[in-house]
ModelCIF file with pLDDT and N, C-alpha, C, O atoms, coordinates in Angstrom:
data_MODEL
#
_entry.id   MODEL 
#
_entity.id                         1 
_entity.type                       polymer 
_entity.pdbx_number_of_molecules   1 
#
_entity_poly.entity_id                      1 
_entity_poly.type                           'polypeptide(L)' 
_entity_poly.nstd_linkage                   no 
_entity_poly.nstd_monomer                   no 
_entity_poly.pdbx_seq_one_letter_code       LVAADAVVSLLIVVVVFVCARLRSRPTQDGKIYIN 
_entity_poly.pdbx_seq_one_letter_code_can   LVAADAVVSLLIVVVVFVCARLRSRPTQDGKIYIN 
_entity_poly.pdbx_strand_id                 A 
#
loop_
_entity_poly_seq.entity_id 
_entity_poly_seq.num 
_entity_poly_seq.mon_id 
_entity_poly_seq.hetero 
1 1  LEU n 
1 2  VAL n 
1 3  ALA n 
1 4  ALA n 
1 5  ASP n 
1 6  ALA n 
1 7  VAL n 
1 8  VAL n 
1 9  SER n 
1 10 LEU n 
1 11 LEU n 
1 12 ILE n 
1 13 VAL n 
1 14 VAL n 
1 15 VAL n 
1 16 VAL n 
1 17 PHE n 
1 18 VAL n 
1 19 CYS n 
1 20 ALA n 
1 21 ARG n 
1 22 LEU n 
1 23 ARG n 
1 24 SER n 
1 25 ARG n 
1 26 PRO n 
1 27 THR n 
1 28 GLN n 
1 29 ASP n 
1 30 GLY n 
1 31 LYS n 
1 32 ILE n 
1 33 TYR n 
1 34 ILE n 
1 35 ASN n 
#
_struct_asym.id          A 
_struct_asym.entity_id   1 
#
loop_
_ma_qa_metric.id 
_ma_qa_metric.mode 
_ma_qa_metric.name 
_ma_qa_metric.software_group_id 
_ma_qa_metric.type 
1 global pLDDT . pLDDT 
2 local  pLDDT . pLDDT 
#
_ma_qa_metric_global.metric_id      1 
_ma_qa_metric_global.metric_value   82.00 
_ma_qa_metric_global.model_id       1 
_ma_qa_metric_global.ordinal_id     1 
#
loop_
_ma_qa_metric_local.label_asym_id 
_ma_qa_metric_local.label_comp_id 
_ma_qa_metric_local.label_seq_id 
_ma_qa_metric_local.metric_id 
_ma_qa_metric_local.metric_value 
_ma_qa_metric_local.model_id 
_ma_qa_metric_local.ordinal_id 
A LEU 1  2 90.00 1 1  
A VAL 2  2 92.00 1 2  
A ALA 3  2 94.00 1 3  
A ALA 4  2 94.00 1 4  
A ASP 5  2 94.00 1 5  
A ALA 6  2 93.00 1 6  
A VAL 7  2 94.00 1 7  
A VAL 8  2 94.00 1 8  
A SER 9  2 94.00 1 9  
A LEU 10 2 95.00 1 10 
A LEU 11 2 95.00 1 11 
A ILE 12 2 95.00 1 12 
A VAL 13 2 94.00 1 13 
A VAL 14 2 94.00 1 14 
A VAL 15 2 93.00 1 15 
A VAL 16 2 92.00 1 16 
A PHE 17 2 91.00 1 17 
A VAL 18 2 90.00 1 18 
A CYS 19 2 88.00 1 19 
A ALA 20 2 85.00 1 20 
A ARG 21 2 84.00 1 21 
A LEU 22 2 78.00 1 22 
A ARG 23 2 72.00 1 23 
A SER 24 2 66.00 1 24 
A ARG 25 2 63.00 1 25 
A PRO 26 2 62.00 1 26 
A THR 27 2 59.00 1 27 
A GLN 28 2 62.00 1 28 
A ASP 29 2 66.00 1 29 
A GLY 30 2 67.00 1 30 
A LYS 31 2 69.00 1 31 
A ILE 32 2 66.00 1 32 
A TYR 33 2 64.00 1 33 
A ILE 34 2 70.00 1 34 
A ASN 35 2 71.00 1 35 
#
loop_
_atom_site.group_PDB 
_atom_site.id 
_atom_site.type_symbol 
_atom_site.label_atom_id 
_atom_site.label_alt_id 
_atom_site.label_comp_id 
_atom_site.label_asym_id 
_atom_site.label_entity_id 
_atom_site.label_seq_id 
_atom_site.pdbx_PDB_ins_code 
_atom_site.Cartn_x 
_atom_site.Cartn_y 
_atom_site.Cartn_z 
_atom_site.occupancy 
_atom_site.B_iso_or_equiv 
_atom_site.pdbx_formal_charge 
_atom_site.auth_seq_id 
_atom_site.auth_comp_id 
_atom_site.auth_asym_id 
_atom_site.auth_atom_id 
_atom_site.pdbx_PDB_model_num 
ATOM 1   N N  . LEU A 1 1  ? 20.788  -11.432 3.310  1.00 90.00 ? 1  LEU A N  1 
ATOM 2   C CA . LEU A 1 1  ? 20.410  -10.244 4.074  1.00 90.00 ? 1  LEU A CA 1 
ATOM 3   C C  . LEU A 1 1  ? 20.250  -9.026  3.173  1.00 90.00 ? 1  LEU A C  1 
ATOM 4   O O  . LEU A 1 1  ? 19.326  -8.232  3.350  1.00 90.00 ? 1  LEU A O  1 
ATOM 5   N N  . VAL A 1 2  ? 21.149  -8.883  2.211  1.00 92.00 ? 2  VAL A N  1 
ATOM 6   C CA . VAL A 1 2  ? 21.051  -7.751  1.278  1.00 92.00 ? 2  VAL A CA 1 
ATOM 7   C C  . VAL A 1 2  ? 19.795  -7.884  0.426  1.00 92.00 ? 2  VAL A C  1 
ATOM 8   O O  . VAL A 1 2  ? 19.101  -6.895  0.187  1.00 92.00 ? 2  VAL A O  1 
ATOM 9   N N  . ALA A 1 3  ? 19.497  -9.102  -0.037 1.00 94.00 ? 3  ALA A N  1 
ATOM 10  C CA . ALA A 1 3  ? 18.306  -9.313  -0.856 1.00 94.00 ? 3  ALA A CA 1 
ATOM 11  C C  . ALA A 1 3  ? 17.034  -9.059  -0.040 1.00 94.00 ? 3  ALA A C  1 
ATOM 12  O O  . ALA A 1 3  ? 16.093  -8.442  -0.540 1.00 94.00 ? 3  ALA A O  1 
ATOM 13  N N  . ALA A 1 4  ? 17.001  -9.524  1.199  1.00 94.00 ? 4  ALA A N  1 
ATOM 14  C CA . ALA A 1 4  ? 15.833  -9.294  2.048  1.00 94.00 ? 4  ALA A CA 1 
ATOM 15  C C  . ALA A 1 4  ? 15.644  -7.806  2.316  1.00 94.00 ? 4  ALA A C  1 
ATOM 16  O O  . ALA A 1 4  ? 14.515  -7.317  2.333  1.00 94.00 ? 4  ALA A O  1 
ATOM 17  N N  . ASP A 1 5  ? 16.735  -7.091  2.523  1.00 94.00 ? 5  ASP A N  1 
ATOM 18  C CA . ASP A 1 5  ? 16.653  -5.648  2.748  1.00 94.00 ? 5  ASP A CA 1 
ATOM 19  C C  . ASP A 1 5  ? 16.103  -4.945  1.511  1.00 94.00 ? 5  ASP A C  1 
ATOM 20  O O  . ASP A 1 5  ? 15.291  -4.027  1.627  1.00 94.00 ? 5  ASP A O  1 
ATOM 21  N N  . ALA A 1 6  ? 16.541  -5.370  0.330  1.00 93.00 ? 6  ALA A N  1 
ATOM 22  C CA . ALA A 1 6  ? 16.053  -4.761  -0.910 1.00 93.00 ? 6  ALA A CA 1 
ATOM 23  C C  . ALA A 1 6  ? 14.566  -5.037  -1.102 1.00 93.00 ? 6  ALA A C  1 
ATOM 24  O O  . ALA A 1 6  ? 13.826  -4.156  -1.540 1.00 93.00 ? 6  ALA A O  1 
ATOM 25  N N  . VAL A 1 7  ? 14.121  -6.250  -0.782 1.00 94.00 ? 7  VAL A N  1 
ATOM 26  C CA . VAL A 1 7  ? 12.703  -6.599  -0.939 1.00 94.00 ? 7  VAL A CA 1 
ATOM 27  C C  . VAL A 1 7  ? 11.847  -5.779  0.017  1.00 94.00 ? 7  VAL A C  1 
ATOM 28  O O  . VAL A 1 7  ? 10.803  -5.261  -0.380 1.00 94.00 ? 7  VAL A O  1 
ATOM 29  N N  . VAL A 1 8  ? 12.273  -5.655  1.264  1.00 94.00 ? 8  VAL A N  1 
ATOM 30  C CA . VAL A 1 8  ? 11.499  -4.880  2.244  1.00 94.00 ? 8  VAL A CA 1 
ATOM 31  C C  . VAL A 1 8  ? 11.469  -3.406  1.853  1.00 94.00 ? 8  VAL A C  1 
ATOM 32  O O  . VAL A 1 8  ? 10.430  -2.756  1.974  1.00 94.00 ? 8  VAL A O  1 
ATOM 33  N N  . SER A 1 9  ? 12.594  -2.876  1.389  1.00 94.00 ? 9  SER A N  1 
ATOM 34  C CA . SER A 1 9  ? 12.626  -1.473  0.957  1.00 94.00 ? 9  SER A CA 1 
ATOM 35  C C  . SER A 1 9  ? 11.695  -1.248  -0.229 1.00 94.00 ? 9  SER A C  1 
ATOM 36  O O  . SER A 1 9  ? 10.985  -0.244  -0.281 1.00 94.00 ? 9  SER A O  1 
ATOM 37  N N  . LEU A 1 10 ? 11.697  -2.176  -1.179 1.00 95.00 ? 10 LEU A N  1 
ATOM 38  C CA . LEU A 1 10 ? 10.817  -2.059  -2.330 1.00 95.00 ? 10 LEU A CA 1 
ATOM 39  C C  . LEU A 1 10 ? 9.352   -2.153  -1.912 1.00 95.00 ? 10 LEU A C  1 
ATOM 40  O O  . LEU A 1 10 ? 8.508   -1.434  -2.447 1.00 95.00 ? 10 LEU A O  1 
ATOM 41  N N  . LEU A 1 11 ? 9.052   -3.018  -0.977 1.00 95.00 ? 11 LEU A N  1 
ATOM 42  C CA . LEU A 1 11 ? 7.690   -3.149  -0.478 1.00 95.00 ? 11 LEU A CA 1 
ATOM 43  C C  . LEU A 1 11 ? 7.217   -1.849  0.178  1.00 95.00 ? 11 LEU A C  1 
ATOM 44  O O  . LEU A 1 11 ? 6.076   -1.434  -0.024 1.00 95.00 ? 11 LEU A O  1 
ATOM 45  N N  . ILE A 1 12 ? 8.079   -1.211  0.954  1.00 95.00 ? 12 ILE A N  1 
ATOM 46  C CA . ILE A 1 12 ? 7.739   0.056   1.595  1.00 95.00 ? 12 ILE A CA 1 
ATOM 47  C C  . ILE A 1 12 ? 7.468   1.129   0.540  1.00 95.00 ? 12 ILE A C  1 
ATOM 48  O O  . ILE A 1 12 ? 6.510   1.893   0.663  1.00 95.00 ? 12 ILE A O  1 
ATOM 49  N N  . VAL A 1 13 ? 8.306   1.187   -0.489 1.00 94.00 ? 13 VAL A N  1 
ATOM 50  C CA . VAL A 1 13 ? 8.117   2.184   -1.544 1.00 94.00 ? 13 VAL A CA 1 
ATOM 51  C C  . VAL A 1 13 ? 6.796   1.962   -2.268 1.00 94.00 ? 13 VAL A C  1 
ATOM 52  O O  . VAL A 1 13 ? 6.086   2.923   -2.564 1.00 94.00 ? 13 VAL A O  1 
ATOM 53  N N  . VAL A 1 14 ? 6.456   0.706   -2.557 1.00 94.00 ? 14 VAL A N  1 
ATOM 54  C CA . VAL A 1 14 ? 5.205   0.400   -3.249 1.00 94.00 ? 14 VAL A CA 1 
ATOM 55  C C  . VAL A 1 14 ? 4.005   0.783   -2.392 1.00 94.00 ? 14 VAL A C  1 
ATOM 56  O O  . VAL A 1 14 ? 3.045   1.360   -2.902 1.00 94.00 ? 14 VAL A O  1 
ATOM 57  N N  . VAL A 1 15 ? 4.043   0.474   -1.103 1.00 93.00 ? 15 VAL A N  1 
ATOM 58  C CA . VAL A 1 15 ? 2.927   0.810   -0.214 1.00 93.00 ? 15 VAL A CA 1 
ATOM 59  C C  . VAL A 1 15 ? 2.746   2.321   -0.133 1.00 93.00 ? 15 VAL A C  1 
ATOM 60  O O  . VAL A 1 15 ? 1.614   2.804   -0.179 1.00 93.00 ? 15 VAL A O  1 
ATOM 61  N N  . VAL A 1 16 ? 3.822   3.067   -0.016 1.00 92.00 ? 16 VAL A N  1 
ATOM 62  C CA . VAL A 1 16 ? 3.729   4.534   0.042  1.00 92.00 ? 16 VAL A CA 1 
ATOM 63  C C  . VAL A 1 16 ? 3.182   5.081   -1.270 1.00 92.00 ? 16 VAL A C  1 
ATOM 64  O O  . VAL A 1 16 ? 2.355   5.993   -1.266 1.00 92.00 ? 16 VAL A O  1 
ATOM 65  N N  . PHE A 1 17 ? 3.637   4.531   -2.388 1.00 91.00 ? 17 PHE A N  1 
ATOM 66  C CA . PHE A 1 17 ? 3.157   4.988   -3.692 1.00 91.00 ? 17 PHE A CA 1 
ATOM 67  C C  . PHE A 1 17 ? 1.659   4.721   -3.850 1.00 91.00 ? 17 PHE A C  1 
ATOM 68  O O  . PHE A 1 17 ? 0.923   5.589   -4.321 1.00 91.00 ? 17 PHE A O  1 
ATOM 69  N N  . VAL A 1 18 ? 1.211   3.543   -3.466 1.00 90.00 ? 18 VAL A N  1 
ATOM 70  C CA . VAL A 1 18 ? -0.209  3.201   -3.585 1.00 90.00 ? 18 VAL A CA 1 
ATOM 71  C C  . VAL A 1 18 ? -1.055  4.085   -2.682 1.00 90.00 ? 18 VAL A C  1 
ATOM 72  O O  . VAL A 1 18 ? -2.110  4.564   -3.096 1.00 90.00 ? 18 VAL A O  1 
ATOM 73  N N  . CYS A 1 19 ? -0.605  4.305   -1.458 1.00 88.00 ? 19 CYS A N  1 
ATOM 74  C CA . CYS A 1 19 ? -1.365  5.160   -0.533 1.00 88.00 ? 19 CYS A CA 1 
ATOM 75  C C  . CYS A 1 19 ? -1.429  6.598   -1.037 1.00 88.00 ? 19 CYS A C  1 
ATOM 76  O O  . CYS A 1 19 ? -2.468  7.247   -0.921 1.00 88.00 ? 19 CYS A O  1 
ATOM 77  N N  . ALA A 1 20 ? -0.334  7.099   -1.591 1.00 85.00 ? 20 ALA A N  1 
ATOM 78  C CA . ALA A 1 20 ? -0.332  8.466   -2.112 1.00 85.00 ? 20 ALA A CA 1 
ATOM 79  C C  . ALA A 1 20 ? -1.230  8.568   -3.337 1.00 85.00 ? 20 ALA A C  1 
ATOM 80  O O  . ALA A 1 20 ? -1.888  9.589   -3.538 1.00 85.00 ? 20 ALA A O  1 
ATOM 81  N N  . ARG A 1 21 ? -1.264  7.546   -4.137 1.00 84.00 ? 21 ARG A N  1 
ATOM 82  C CA . ARG A 1 21 ? -2.100  7.561   -5.340 1.00 84.00 ? 21 ARG A CA 1 
ATOM 83  C C  . ARG A 1 21 ? -3.587  7.512   -4.986 1.00 84.00 ? 21 ARG A C  1 
ATOM 84  O O  . ARG A 1 21 ? -4.408  8.144   -5.649 1.00 84.00 ? 21 ARG A O  1 
ATOM 85  N N  . LEU A 1 22 ? -3.927  6.764   -3.946 1.00 78.00 ? 22 LEU A N  1 
ATOM 86  C CA . LEU A 1 22 ? -5.324  6.689   -3.529 1.00 78.00 ? 22 LEU A CA 1 
ATOM 87  C C  . LEU A 1 22 ? -5.812  8.017   -2.982 1.00 78.00 ? 22 LEU A C  1 
ATOM 88  O O  . LEU A 1 22 ? -6.983  8.359   -3.146 1.00 78.00 ? 22 LEU A O  1 
ATOM 89  N N  . ARG A 1 23 ? -4.942  8.765   -2.340 1.00 72.00 ? 23 ARG A N  1 
ATOM 90  C CA . ARG A 1 23 ? -5.348  10.059  -1.779 1.00 72.00 ? 23 ARG A CA 1 
ATOM 91  C C  . ARG A 1 23 ? -5.533  11.119  -2.851 1.00 72.00 ? 23 ARG A C  1 
ATOM 92  O O  . ARG A 1 23 ? -6.249  12.095  -2.626 1.00 72.00 ? 23 ARG A O  1 
ATOM 93  N N  . SER A 1 24 ? -4.911  10.958  -4.003 1.00 66.00 ? 24 SER A N  1 
ATOM 94  C CA . SER A 1 24 ? -4.968  12.010  -5.017 1.00 66.00 ? 24 SER A CA 1 
ATOM 95  C C  . SER A 1 24 ? -6.116  11.826  -5.995 1.00 66.00 ? 24 SER A C  1 
ATOM 96  O O  . SER A 1 24 ? -6.195  12.566  -6.976 1.00 66.00 ? 24 SER A O  1 
ATOM 97  N N  . ARG A 1 25 ? -7.003  10.874  -5.771 1.00 63.00 ? 25 ARG A N  1 
ATOM 98  C CA . ARG A 1 25 ? -8.156  10.689  -6.654 1.00 63.00 ? 25 ARG A CA 1 
ATOM 99  C C  . ARG A 1 25 ? -9.148  11.832  -6.486 1.00 63.00 ? 25 ARG A C  1 
ATOM 100 O O  . ARG A 1 25 ? -9.336  12.338  -5.379 1.00 63.00 ? 25 ARG A O  1 
ATOM 101 N N  . PRO A 1 26 ? -9.785  12.243  -7.589 1.00 62.00 ? 26 PRO A N  1 
ATOM 102 C CA . PRO A 1 26 ? -10.789 13.315  -7.472 1.00 62.00 ? 26 PRO A CA 1 
ATOM 103 C C  . PRO A 1 26 ? -12.044 12.809  -6.773 1.00 62.00 ? 26 PRO A C  1 
ATOM 104 O O  . PRO A 1 26 ? -12.270 11.605  -6.660 1.00 62.00 ? 26 PRO A O  1 
ATOM 105 N N  . THR A 1 27 ? -12.841 13.743  -6.313 1.00 59.00 ? 27 THR A N  1 
ATOM 106 C CA . THR A 1 27 ? -14.072 13.382  -5.611 1.00 59.00 ? 27 THR A CA 1 
ATOM 107 C C  . THR A 1 27 ? -15.078 12.812  -6.595 1.00 59.00 ? 27 THR A C  1 
ATOM 108 O O  . THR A 1 27 ? -15.038 13.120  -7.786 1.00 59.00 ? 27 THR A O  1 
ATOM 109 N N  . GLN A 1 28 ? -15.962 11.996  -6.102 1.00 62.00 ? 28 GLN A N  1 
ATOM 110 C CA . GLN A 1 28 ? -16.963 11.358  -6.949 1.00 62.00 ? 28 GLN A CA 1 
ATOM 111 C C  . GLN A 1 28 ? -18.317 12.058  -6.894 1.00 62.00 ? 28 GLN A C  1 
ATOM 112 O O  . GLN A 1 28 ? -19.235 11.680  -7.622 1.00 62.00 ? 28 GLN A O  1 
ATOM 113 N N  . ASP A 1 29 ? -18.454 13.078  -6.035 1.00 66.00 ? 29 ASP A N  1 
ATOM 114 C CA . ASP A 1 29 ? -19.766 13.713  -5.873 1.00 66.00 ? 29 ASP A CA 1 
ATOM 115 C C  . ASP A 1 29 ? -20.013 14.863  -6.847 1.00 66.00 ? 29 ASP A C  1 
ATOM 116 O O  . ASP A 1 29 ? -21.121 15.400  -6.876 1.00 66.00 ? 29 ASP A O  1 
ATOM 117 N N  . GLY A 1 30 ? -19.030 15.254  -7.635 1.00 67.00 ? 30 GLY A N  1 
ATOM 118 C CA . GLY A 1 30 ? -19.211 16.299  -8.633 1.00 67.00 ? 30 GLY A CA 1 
ATOM 119 C C  . GLY A 1 30 ? -19.181 17.710  -8.088 1.00 67.00 ? 30 GLY A C  1 
ATOM 120 O O  . GLY A 1 30 ? -19.335 18.655  -8.862 1.00 67.00 ? 30 GLY A O  1 
ATOM 121 N N  . LYS A 1 31 ? -18.992 17.897  -6.803 1.00 69.00 ? 31 LYS A N  1 
ATOM 122 C CA . LYS A 1 31 ? -18.963 19.234  -6.213 1.00 69.00 ? 31 LYS A CA 1 
ATOM 123 C C  . LYS A 1 31 ? -17.546 19.798  -6.285 1.00 69.00 ? 31 LYS A C  1 
ATOM 124 O O  . LYS A 1 31 ? -16.567 19.057  -6.365 1.00 69.00 ? 31 LYS A O  1 
ATOM 125 N N  . ILE A 1 32 ? -17.461 21.123  -6.255 1.00 66.00 ? 32 ILE A N  1 
ATOM 126 C CA . ILE A 1 32 ? -16.171 21.792  -6.232 1.00 66.00 ? 32 ILE A CA 1 
ATOM 127 C C  . ILE A 1 32 ? -15.992 22.403  -4.858 1.00 66.00 ? 32 ILE A C  1 
ATOM 128 O O  . ILE A 1 32 ? -16.783 23.244  -4.431 1.00 66.00 ? 32 ILE A O  1 
ATOM 129 N N  . TYR A 1 33 ? -14.948 21.974  -4.170 1.00 64.00 ? 33 TYR A N  1 
ATOM 130 C CA . TYR A 1 33 ? -14.652 22.472  -2.828 1.00 64.00 ? 33 TYR A CA 1 
ATOM 131 C C  . TYR A 1 33 ? -13.544 23.504  -2.953 1.00 64.00 ? 33 TYR A C  1 
ATOM 132 O O  . TYR A 1 33 ? -12.410 23.164  -3.291 1.00 64.00 ? 33 TYR A O  1 
ATOM 133 N N  . ILE A 1 34 ? -13.865 24.761  -2.681 1.00 70.00 ? 34 ILE A N  1 
ATOM 134 C CA . ILE A 1 34 ? -12.898 25.836  -2.889 1.00 70.00 ? 34 ILE A CA 1 
ATOM 135 C C  . ILE A 1 34 ? -11.842 25.860  -1.801 1.00 70.00 ? 34 ILE A C  1 
ATOM 136 O O  . ILE A 1 34 ? -10.655 25.972  -2.107 1.00 70.00 ? 34 ILE A O  1 
ATOM 137 N N  . ASN A 1 35 ? -12.236 25.758  -0.541 1.00 71.00 ? 35 ASN A N  1 
ATOM 138 C CA . ASN A 1 35 ? -11.300 25.924  0.554  1.00 71.00 ? 35 ASN A CA 1 
ATOM 139 C C  . ASN A 1 35 ? -10.784 24.607  1.098  1.00 71.00 ? 35 ASN A C  1 
ATOM 140 O O  . ASN A 1 35 ? -9.981  24.597  2.031  1.00 71.00 ? 35 ASN A O  1 
#
């Protein structure tokens, strides 16, 4: 049970990290959005 809890917690952390990293990518269109 402790090992399963650690695996699920690690999986949640990895998913959050990947999602946050995908959102922080710069735009690909070359425009600068001020606001």
